[in-house]
Amino acid sequence: MATRIDEVQSYDADPDTVFAMLADEEFIVHKSTQSGSLDVTAEVEEVGDRTRIRNKRVMPAKVPGFVKRFLGDTIPMDETQTWAAADGQGARDAEFSVDFDGQPIGFSGTISLRPEGAGTAVETKGTIKCTVPFVGGRIEKFAAEWISKYLNKEQRVGAQWLEDHA
């Protein structure tokens, strides 16, 4: 079983400006800290015509007891995004994966960044897969809700960042 995620974030800035924010190590650390990360590192690297973003963070495990049994007191996350070069309108796509430090859950998928009116839409589509027998579906459902909240928080933090750095 797997659970699908499809979330769209909207920003009042052009695609190049939004991508510059998303690929800014200072912003990555800021958004992670604002979302409750206890420890965070960010690394952005140009590899040919691609941009690789790696964000490692440790989140407090504010999760139900049945999830905490598997994850412990903290949730280590290692996310890698590999972005293609932009097209003529600034649109670009990425593949991403999130590893939970060997835990029996994973999250992977695609991100698309597209012009939308005078702004930009960033769509995250992915699949959460948990291999724990009997409760895997419940863990996936909880993770999907948590990821949705995280992406909503990221949008609010990003909108403020763009306003502050205009």
N, C-alpha and C. Protein backbone atom coordinates (compact mmCIF):
# COMPACT_ATOMS: atom_id res chain seq x y z
N MET A 1 0.84 -1.17 0.00
CA MET A 1 0.00 0.00 0.00
C MET A 1 0.88 1.24 0.00
N ALA A 2 0.42 2.30 -0.60
CA ALA A 2 1.13 3.58 -0.62
C ALA A 2 0.09 4.70 -0.60
N THR A 3 0.51 5.85 -0.10
CA THR A 3 -0.37 7.01 -0.02
C THR A 3 0.19 8.11 -0.90
N ARG A 4 -0.66 8.71 -1.72
CA ARG A 4 -0.24 9.76 -2.64
C ARG A 4 -0.42 11.15 -2.02
N ILE A 5 0.48 12.04 -2.40
CA ILE A 5 0.43 13.44 -1.99
C ILE A 5 0.40 14.29 -3.26
N ASP A 6 -0.42 15.31 -3.27
CA ASP A 6 -0.43 16.29 -4.37
C ASP A 6 -0.76 17.63 -3.75
N GLU A 7 0.26 18.46 -3.55
CA GLU A 7 0.11 19.76 -2.90
C GLU A 7 0.66 20.85 -3.81
N VAL A 8 -0.01 21.99 -3.85
CA VAL A 8 0.43 23.12 -4.65
C VAL A 8 0.67 24.32 -3.74
N GLN A 9 1.83 24.93 -3.91
CA GLN A 9 2.17 26.17 -3.21
C GLN A 9 2.15 27.30 -4.24
N SER A 10 1.65 28.46 -3.86
CA SER A 10 1.61 29.61 -4.76
C SER A 10 2.43 30.75 -4.16
N TYR A 11 3.20 31.40 -5.03
CA TYR A 11 4.04 32.52 -4.60
C TYR A 11 3.82 33.71 -5.52
N ASP A 12 3.88 34.91 -4.96
CA ASP A 12 3.72 36.15 -5.71
C ASP A 12 5.06 36.65 -6.21
N ALA A 13 5.75 35.80 -6.97
CA ALA A 13 7.04 36.16 -7.57
C ALA A 13 7.22 35.29 -8.80
N ASP A 14 8.11 35.73 -9.70
CA ASP A 14 8.36 34.98 -10.93
C ASP A 14 9.12 33.68 -10.61
N PRO A 15 9.09 32.71 -11.54
CA PRO A 15 9.73 31.42 -11.30
C PRO A 15 11.23 31.50 -10.97
N ASP A 16 11.97 32.40 -11.63
CA ASP A 16 13.40 32.50 -11.34
C ASP A 16 13.65 32.96 -9.91
N THR A 17 12.84 33.89 -9.44
CA THR A 17 12.99 34.39 -8.06
C THR A 17 12.61 33.30 -7.06
N VAL A 18 11.54 32.57 -7.34
CA VAL A 18 11.12 31.50 -6.44
C VAL A 18 12.17 30.40 -6.40
N PHE A 19 12.70 30.02 -7.56
CA PHE A 19 13.72 28.97 -7.54
C PHE A 19 14.98 29.44 -6.82
N ALA A 20 15.36 30.70 -7.02
CA ALA A 20 16.53 31.23 -6.31
C ALA A 20 16.33 31.10 -4.79
N MET A 21 15.11 31.35 -4.32
CA MET A 21 14.81 31.19 -2.90
C MET A 21 14.92 29.72 -2.50
N LEU A 22 14.27 28.83 -3.26
CA LEU A 22 14.27 27.42 -2.91
C LEU A 22 15.67 26.82 -2.89
N ALA A 23 16.57 27.38 -3.69
CA ALA A 23 17.94 26.88 -3.79
C ALA A 23 18.93 27.69 -2.96
N ASP A 24 18.44 28.51 -2.07
CA ASP A 24 19.29 29.33 -1.19
C ASP A 24 19.49 28.58 0.13
N GLU A 25 20.74 28.23 0.44
CA GLU A 25 21.02 27.47 1.66
C GLU A 25 20.50 28.17 2.91
N GLU A 26 20.60 29.50 2.94
CA GLU A 26 20.10 30.26 4.08
C GLU A 26 18.58 30.09 4.22
N PHE A 27 17.86 30.13 3.10
CA PHE A 27 16.41 29.92 3.15
C PHE A 27 16.08 28.50 3.59
N ILE A 28 16.79 27.53 3.08
CA ILE A 28 16.52 26.13 3.43
C ILE A 28 16.66 25.93 4.94
N VAL A 29 17.71 26.47 5.52
CA VAL A 29 17.90 26.37 6.98
C VAL A 29 16.77 27.12 7.69
N HIS A 30 16.44 28.31 7.21
CA HIS A 30 15.39 29.13 7.82
C HIS A 30 14.04 28.41 7.81
N LYS A 31 13.63 27.89 6.65
CA LYS A 31 12.32 27.22 6.57
C LYS A 31 12.29 25.98 7.45
N SER A 32 13.41 25.27 7.52
CA SER A 32 13.47 24.06 8.36
C SER A 32 13.36 24.42 9.83
N THR A 33 14.06 25.47 10.24
CA THR A 33 14.00 25.93 11.63
C THR A 33 12.60 26.42 11.97
N GLN A 34 12.00 27.18 11.06
CA GLN A 34 10.64 27.69 11.29
C GLN A 34 9.62 26.57 11.38
N SER A 35 9.93 25.43 10.80
CA SER A 35 9.02 24.27 10.84
C SER A 35 9.31 23.35 12.01
N GLY A 36 10.22 23.76 12.89
CA GLY A 36 10.46 23.01 14.12
C GLY A 36 11.68 22.11 14.13
N SER A 37 12.52 22.17 13.11
CA SER A 37 13.71 21.31 13.08
C SER A 37 14.61 21.61 14.27
N LEU A 38 15.11 20.54 14.87
CA LEU A 38 16.03 20.66 15.99
C LEU A 38 17.47 20.82 15.50
N ASP A 39 17.75 20.26 14.34
CA ASP A 39 19.09 20.33 13.74
C ASP A 39 18.88 20.34 12.23
N VAL A 40 19.65 21.14 11.51
CA VAL A 40 19.45 21.23 10.06
C VAL A 40 20.75 21.59 9.36
N THR A 41 20.96 20.97 8.20
CA THR A 41 22.05 21.35 7.31
C THR A 41 21.48 21.43 5.90
N ALA A 42 22.09 22.27 5.08
CA ALA A 42 21.65 22.43 3.69
C ALA A 42 22.88 22.51 2.80
N GLU A 43 22.75 21.89 1.64
CA GLU A 43 23.84 21.92 0.66
C GLU A 43 23.22 22.03 -0.73
N VAL A 44 23.68 23.02 -1.49
CA VAL A 44 23.21 23.21 -2.86
C VAL A 44 24.42 23.09 -3.77
N GLU A 45 24.26 22.27 -4.80
CA GLU A 45 25.39 21.99 -5.69
C GLU A 45 24.92 21.97 -7.14
N GLU A 46 25.68 22.63 -8.01
CA GLU A 46 25.41 22.59 -9.44
C GLU A 46 26.14 21.39 -10.00
N VAL A 47 25.39 20.52 -10.70
CA VAL A 47 25.97 19.33 -11.31
C VAL A 47 25.58 19.36 -12.79
N GLY A 48 26.50 19.85 -13.62
CA GLY A 48 26.17 20.06 -15.04
C GLY A 48 25.07 21.11 -15.14
N ASP A 49 23.98 20.78 -15.82
CA ASP A 49 22.87 21.73 -15.95
C ASP A 49 21.79 21.49 -14.90
N ARG A 50 22.10 20.70 -13.90
CA ARG A 50 21.14 20.38 -12.83
C ARG A 50 21.59 21.02 -11.52
N THR A 51 20.60 21.20 -10.63
CA THR A 51 20.87 21.72 -9.30
C THR A 51 20.43 20.66 -8.30
N ARG A 52 21.37 20.25 -7.44
CA ARG A 52 21.05 19.25 -6.42
C ARG A 52 20.98 19.95 -5.07
N ILE A 53 19.83 19.79 -4.40
CA ILE A 53 19.61 20.39 -3.09
C ILE A 53 19.49 19.26 -2.09
N ARG A 54 20.32 19.32 -1.05
CA ARG A 54 20.24 18.30 0.00
C ARG A 54 19.97 19.01 1.32
N ASN A 55 18.93 18.54 2.00
CA ASN A 55 18.50 19.13 3.27
C ASN A 55 18.36 18.00 4.29
N LYS A 56 19.25 18.03 5.27
CA LYS A 56 19.16 17.05 6.36
C LYS A 56 18.62 17.78 7.58
N ARG A 57 17.62 17.19 8.22
CA ARG A 57 17.05 17.82 9.40
C ARG A 57 16.56 16.75 10.37
N VAL A 58 16.44 17.18 11.61
CA VAL A 58 15.92 16.31 12.66
C VAL A 58 14.73 17.02 13.27
N MET A 59 13.59 16.34 13.20
CA MET A 59 12.35 16.91 13.71
C MET A 59 11.97 16.21 15.01
N PRO A 60 11.34 16.94 15.94
CA PRO A 60 10.81 16.26 17.13
C PRO A 60 9.66 15.35 16.71
N ALA A 61 9.57 14.20 17.33
CA ALA A 61 8.53 13.23 16.97
C ALA A 61 7.23 13.56 17.70
N LYS A 62 6.53 14.56 17.20
CA LYS A 62 5.21 14.92 17.74
C LYS A 62 4.18 14.07 16.99
N VAL A 63 4.18 12.79 17.33
CA VAL A 63 3.38 11.81 16.59
C VAL A 63 2.61 10.94 17.57
N PRO A 64 1.54 10.30 17.07
CA PRO A 64 0.80 9.39 17.94
C PRO A 64 1.68 8.24 18.43
N GLY A 65 1.30 7.65 19.54
CA GLY A 65 2.08 6.57 20.15
C GLY A 65 2.39 5.42 19.21
N PHE A 66 1.43 5.02 18.37
CA PHE A 66 1.67 3.89 17.49
C PHE A 66 2.76 4.20 16.45
N VAL A 67 2.96 5.49 16.11
CA VAL A 67 4.01 5.89 15.19
C VAL A 67 5.33 6.02 15.94
N LYS A 68 5.27 6.59 17.14
CA LYS A 68 6.47 6.84 17.94
C LYS A 68 7.21 5.54 18.26
N ARG A 69 6.46 4.44 18.38
CA ARG A 69 7.10 3.15 18.65
C ARG A 69 8.12 2.81 17.57
N PHE A 70 7.85 3.23 16.34
CA PHE A 70 8.74 2.90 15.23
C PHE A 70 9.81 3.96 15.02
N LEU A 71 9.50 5.21 15.34
CA LEU A 71 10.40 6.31 15.02
C LEU A 71 11.25 6.80 16.18
N GLY A 72 10.79 6.64 17.39
CA GLY A 72 11.52 7.17 18.54
C GLY A 72 11.15 8.62 18.83
N ASP A 73 12.02 9.32 19.55
CA ASP A 73 11.73 10.69 20.00
C ASP A 73 11.98 11.76 18.94
N THR A 74 12.78 11.42 17.93
CA THR A 74 13.07 12.37 16.85
C THR A 74 12.92 11.67 15.50
N ILE A 75 12.73 12.48 14.48
CA ILE A 75 12.58 11.96 13.13
C ILE A 75 13.69 12.56 12.26
N PRO A 76 14.75 11.79 11.98
CA PRO A 76 15.79 12.29 11.08
C PRO A 76 15.33 12.17 9.64
N MET A 77 15.56 13.22 8.87
CA MET A 77 15.13 13.24 7.46
C MET A 77 16.29 13.70 6.60
N ASP A 78 16.50 13.01 5.50
CA ASP A 78 17.53 13.37 4.54
C ASP A 78 16.85 13.49 3.18
N GLU A 79 16.61 14.74 2.75
CA GLU A 79 15.90 15.00 1.50
C GLU A 79 16.86 15.44 0.42
N THR A 80 16.71 14.86 -0.76
CA THR A 80 17.49 15.27 -1.92
C THR A 80 16.54 15.63 -3.04
N GLN A 81 16.74 16.81 -3.61
CA GLN A 81 15.99 17.27 -4.78
C GLN A 81 16.99 17.48 -5.91
N THR A 82 16.68 16.96 -7.09
CA THR A 82 17.53 17.18 -8.25
C THR A 82 16.70 17.89 -9.30
N TRP A 83 17.04 19.17 -9.51
CA TRP A 83 16.27 20.06 -10.39
C TRP A 83 16.92 20.12 -11.77
N ALA A 84 16.08 20.04 -12.81
CA ALA A 84 16.53 20.26 -14.19
C ALA A 84 16.66 21.76 -14.44
N ALA A 85 17.34 22.09 -15.52
CA ALA A 85 17.48 23.50 -15.91
C ALA A 85 16.10 24.06 -16.28
N ALA A 86 15.99 25.37 -16.17
CA ALA A 86 14.73 26.06 -16.50
C ALA A 86 14.54 26.15 -18.00
N ASP A 87 13.27 26.16 -18.40
CA ASP A 87 12.97 26.42 -19.81
C ASP A 87 12.92 27.94 -20.01
N GLY A 88 12.49 28.40 -21.17
CA GLY A 88 12.48 29.82 -21.49
C GLY A 88 11.56 30.66 -20.62
N GLN A 89 10.58 30.03 -19.94
CA GLN A 89 9.66 30.76 -19.07
C GLN A 89 10.01 30.60 -17.59
N GLY A 90 11.11 29.93 -17.30
CA GLY A 90 11.52 29.73 -15.91
C GLY A 90 10.96 28.47 -15.29
N ALA A 91 10.15 27.71 -16.03
CA ALA A 91 9.59 26.46 -15.50
C ALA A 91 10.70 25.42 -15.40
N ARG A 92 10.60 24.57 -14.39
CA ARG A 92 11.57 23.49 -14.22
C ARG A 92 10.94 22.39 -13.38
N ASP A 93 11.54 21.21 -13.44
CA ASP A 93 11.05 20.05 -12.71
C ASP A 93 12.17 19.43 -11.89
N ALA A 94 11.77 18.73 -10.84
CA ALA A 94 12.73 18.04 -10.00
C ALA A 94 12.19 16.67 -9.62
N GLU A 95 13.11 15.78 -9.32
CA GLU A 95 12.79 14.53 -8.66
C GLU A 95 13.30 14.67 -7.24
N PHE A 96 12.56 14.08 -6.28
CA PHE A 96 13.01 14.16 -4.89
C PHE A 96 12.82 12.82 -4.20
N SER A 97 13.59 12.66 -3.13
CA SER A 97 13.40 11.51 -2.25
C SER A 97 13.74 11.95 -0.83
N VAL A 98 13.02 11.37 0.12
CA VAL A 98 13.26 11.64 1.53
C VAL A 98 13.50 10.30 2.21
N ASP A 99 14.68 10.19 2.83
CA ASP A 99 15.03 9.00 3.59
C ASP A 99 14.88 9.34 5.07
N PHE A 100 14.30 8.43 5.82
CA PHE A 100 14.07 8.65 7.25
C PHE A 100 15.05 7.81 8.07
N ASP A 101 16.33 7.88 7.71
CA ASP A 101 17.41 7.24 8.45
C ASP A 101 17.15 5.75 8.68
N GLY A 102 16.80 5.07 7.60
CA GLY A 102 16.62 3.63 7.69
C GLY A 102 15.30 3.17 8.28
N GLN A 103 14.42 4.11 8.61
CA GLN A 103 13.11 3.73 9.13
C GLN A 103 12.29 3.09 8.01
N PRO A 104 11.26 2.34 8.35
CA PRO A 104 10.49 1.62 7.34
C PRO A 104 9.48 2.51 6.59
N ILE A 105 9.88 3.74 6.28
CA ILE A 105 9.01 4.66 5.56
C ILE A 105 9.86 5.49 4.61
N GLY A 106 9.30 5.83 3.47
CA GLY A 106 9.99 6.65 2.50
C GLY A 106 9.00 7.54 1.78
N PHE A 107 9.51 8.61 1.21
CA PHE A 107 8.68 9.57 0.48
C PHE A 107 9.48 10.00 -0.73
N SER A 108 8.90 9.87 -1.92
CA SER A 108 9.59 10.29 -3.14
C SER A 108 8.57 10.73 -4.17
N GLY A 109 9.07 11.48 -5.17
CA GLY A 109 8.17 11.96 -6.20
C GLY A 109 8.80 13.04 -7.05
N THR A 110 7.95 13.99 -7.49
CA THR A 110 8.39 15.06 -8.36
C THR A 110 7.90 16.40 -7.83
N ILE A 111 8.61 17.45 -8.23
CA ILE A 111 8.22 18.82 -7.93
C ILE A 111 8.25 19.57 -9.26
N SER A 112 7.22 20.34 -9.55
CA SER A 112 7.24 21.18 -10.75
C SER A 112 7.04 22.62 -10.33
N LEU A 113 7.81 23.48 -10.95
CA LEU A 113 7.75 24.92 -10.69
C LEU A 113 7.34 25.56 -12.01
N ARG A 114 6.20 26.27 -11.99
CA ARG A 114 5.63 26.81 -13.21
C ARG A 114 5.13 28.25 -13.01
N PRO A 115 5.22 29.08 -14.07
CA PRO A 115 4.59 30.39 -13.98
C PRO A 115 3.08 30.20 -13.84
N GLU A 116 2.48 31.04 -13.02
CA GLU A 116 1.02 31.01 -12.83
C GLU A 116 0.55 32.45 -12.68
N GLY A 117 -0.03 32.99 -13.75
CA GLY A 117 -0.42 34.40 -13.72
C GLY A 117 0.82 35.25 -13.52
N ALA A 118 0.76 36.16 -12.54
CA ALA A 118 1.91 37.01 -12.24
C ALA A 118 2.86 36.34 -11.24
N GLY A 119 2.54 35.12 -10.81
CA GLY A 119 3.35 34.45 -9.80
C GLY A 119 3.85 33.09 -10.26
N THR A 120 4.03 32.22 -9.28
CA THR A 120 4.60 30.90 -9.53
C THR A 120 3.86 29.86 -8.70
N ALA A 121 3.62 28.71 -9.31
CA ALA A 121 3.05 27.56 -8.61
C ALA A 121 4.14 26.49 -8.48
N VAL A 122 4.23 25.91 -7.30
CA VAL A 122 5.16 24.82 -7.05
C VAL A 122 4.32 23.62 -6.61
N GLU A 123 4.31 22.58 -7.45
CA GLU A 123 3.48 21.41 -7.16
C GLU A 123 4.35 20.23 -6.77
N THR A 124 4.05 19.67 -5.61
CA THR A 124 4.74 18.49 -5.11
C THR A 124 3.81 17.30 -5.24
N LYS A 125 4.24 16.30 -6.00
CA LYS A 125 3.49 15.05 -6.14
C LYS A 125 4.41 13.93 -5.68
N GLY A 126 3.90 13.11 -4.78
CA GLY A 126 4.75 12.04 -4.29
C GLY A 126 3.97 10.89 -3.71
N THR A 127 4.72 9.88 -3.33
CA THR A 127 4.17 8.67 -2.74
C THR A 127 4.88 8.38 -1.43
N ILE A 128 4.09 8.15 -0.40
CA ILE A 128 4.61 7.74 0.90
C ILE A 128 4.39 6.24 1.00
N LYS A 129 5.44 5.53 1.34
CA LYS A 129 5.34 4.08 1.45
C LYS A 129 5.90 3.66 2.80
N CYS A 130 5.10 2.91 3.56
CA CYS A 130 5.53 2.38 4.85
C CYS A 130 5.39 0.87 4.81
N THR A 131 6.44 0.18 5.20
CA THR A 131 6.46 -1.28 5.10
C THR A 131 6.17 -1.99 6.42
N VAL A 132 5.66 -1.27 7.41
CA VAL A 132 5.35 -1.89 8.69
C VAL A 132 4.03 -2.67 8.55
N PRO A 133 4.06 -3.97 8.83
CA PRO A 133 2.83 -4.76 8.70
C PRO A 133 1.71 -4.23 9.61
N PHE A 134 0.50 -4.33 9.15
CA PHE A 134 -0.73 -4.02 9.88
C PHE A 134 -0.98 -2.53 10.10
N VAL A 135 0.03 -1.73 10.46
CA VAL A 135 -0.20 -0.31 10.75
C VAL A 135 0.41 0.61 9.70
N GLY A 136 1.01 0.05 8.64
CA GLY A 136 1.67 0.86 7.61
C GLY A 136 0.74 1.90 7.00
N GLY A 137 -0.51 1.51 6.72
CA GLY A 137 -1.47 2.45 6.13
C GLY A 137 -1.78 3.60 7.06
N ARG A 138 -1.91 3.32 8.36
CA ARG A 138 -2.17 4.38 9.34
C ARG A 138 -0.98 5.33 9.43
N ILE A 139 0.24 4.76 9.38
CA ILE A 139 1.44 5.59 9.43
C ILE A 139 1.52 6.46 8.18
N GLU A 140 1.22 5.88 7.02
CA GLU A 140 1.23 6.66 5.77
C GLU A 140 0.23 7.80 5.83
N LYS A 141 -0.97 7.53 6.34
CA LYS A 141 -2.00 8.58 6.43
C LYS A 141 -1.52 9.71 7.35
N PHE A 142 -0.94 9.36 8.49
CA PHE A 142 -0.43 10.37 9.40
C PHE A 142 0.69 11.17 8.72
N ALA A 143 1.61 10.47 8.04
CA ALA A 143 2.73 11.13 7.37
C ALA A 143 2.22 12.08 6.28
N ALA A 144 1.18 11.67 5.55
CA ALA A 144 0.61 12.53 4.50
C ALA A 144 0.06 13.82 5.10
N GLU A 145 -0.64 13.72 6.21
CA GLU A 145 -1.17 14.92 6.88
C GLU A 145 -0.04 15.81 7.36
N TRP A 146 0.99 15.21 7.92
CA TRP A 146 2.15 15.95 8.44
C TRP A 146 2.87 16.66 7.29
N ILE A 147 3.08 15.96 6.16
CA ILE A 147 3.77 16.56 5.01
C ILE A 147 2.94 17.71 4.45
N SER A 148 1.64 17.55 4.38
CA SER A 148 0.77 18.63 3.90
C SER A 148 0.91 19.86 4.79
N LYS A 149 0.90 19.67 6.11
CA LYS A 149 1.08 20.80 7.03
C LYS A 149 2.45 21.44 6.84
N TYR A 150 3.49 20.61 6.65
CA TYR A 150 4.85 21.12 6.46
C TYR A 150 4.90 21.98 5.19
N LEU A 151 4.31 21.50 4.10
CA LEU A 151 4.35 22.26 2.85
C LEU A 151 3.55 23.56 2.97
N ASN A 152 2.45 23.55 3.70
CA ASN A 152 1.70 24.79 3.93
C ASN A 152 2.52 25.78 4.74
N LYS A 153 3.22 25.30 5.75
CA LYS A 153 4.09 26.16 6.56
C LYS A 153 5.22 26.70 5.68
N GLU A 154 5.81 25.84 4.86
CA GLU A 154 6.88 26.27 3.96
C GLU A 154 6.40 27.38 3.04
N GLN A 155 5.17 27.29 2.54
CA GLN A 155 4.64 28.35 1.68
C GLN A 155 4.54 29.66 2.45
N ARG A 156 4.02 29.63 3.67
CA ARG A 156 3.91 30.87 4.46
C ARG A 156 5.29 31.46 4.75
N VAL A 157 6.25 30.61 5.12
CA VAL A 157 7.61 31.08 5.41
C VAL A 157 8.24 31.63 4.13
N GLY A 158 8.02 30.94 3.00
CA GLY A 158 8.57 31.39 1.72
C GLY A 158 7.99 32.72 1.28
N ALA A 159 6.69 32.89 1.44
CA ALA A 159 6.04 34.16 1.06
C ALA A 159 6.63 35.31 1.88
N GLN A 160 6.83 35.08 3.17
CA GLN A 160 7.42 36.12 4.02
C GLN A 160 8.87 36.39 3.61
N TRP A 161 9.62 35.33 3.29
CA TRP A 161 11.00 35.46 2.85
C TRP A 161 11.07 36.32 1.59
N LEU A 162 10.21 36.03 0.62
CA LEU A 162 10.21 36.81 -0.61
C LEU A 162 9.88 38.27 -0.34
N GLU A 163 8.94 38.50 0.55
CA GLU A 163 8.57 39.88 0.91
C GLU A 163 9.75 40.59 1.58
N ASP A 164 10.42 39.90 2.49
CA ASP A 164 11.55 40.50 3.22
C ASP A 164 12.79 40.70 2.36
N HIS A 165 12.94 39.90 1.31
CA HIS A 165 14.14 39.94 0.47
C HIS A 165 13.87 40.53 -0.91
N ALA A 166 12.76 41.24 -1.06
CA ALA A 166 12.41 41.82 -2.39
C ALA A 166 13.37 42.93 -2.77
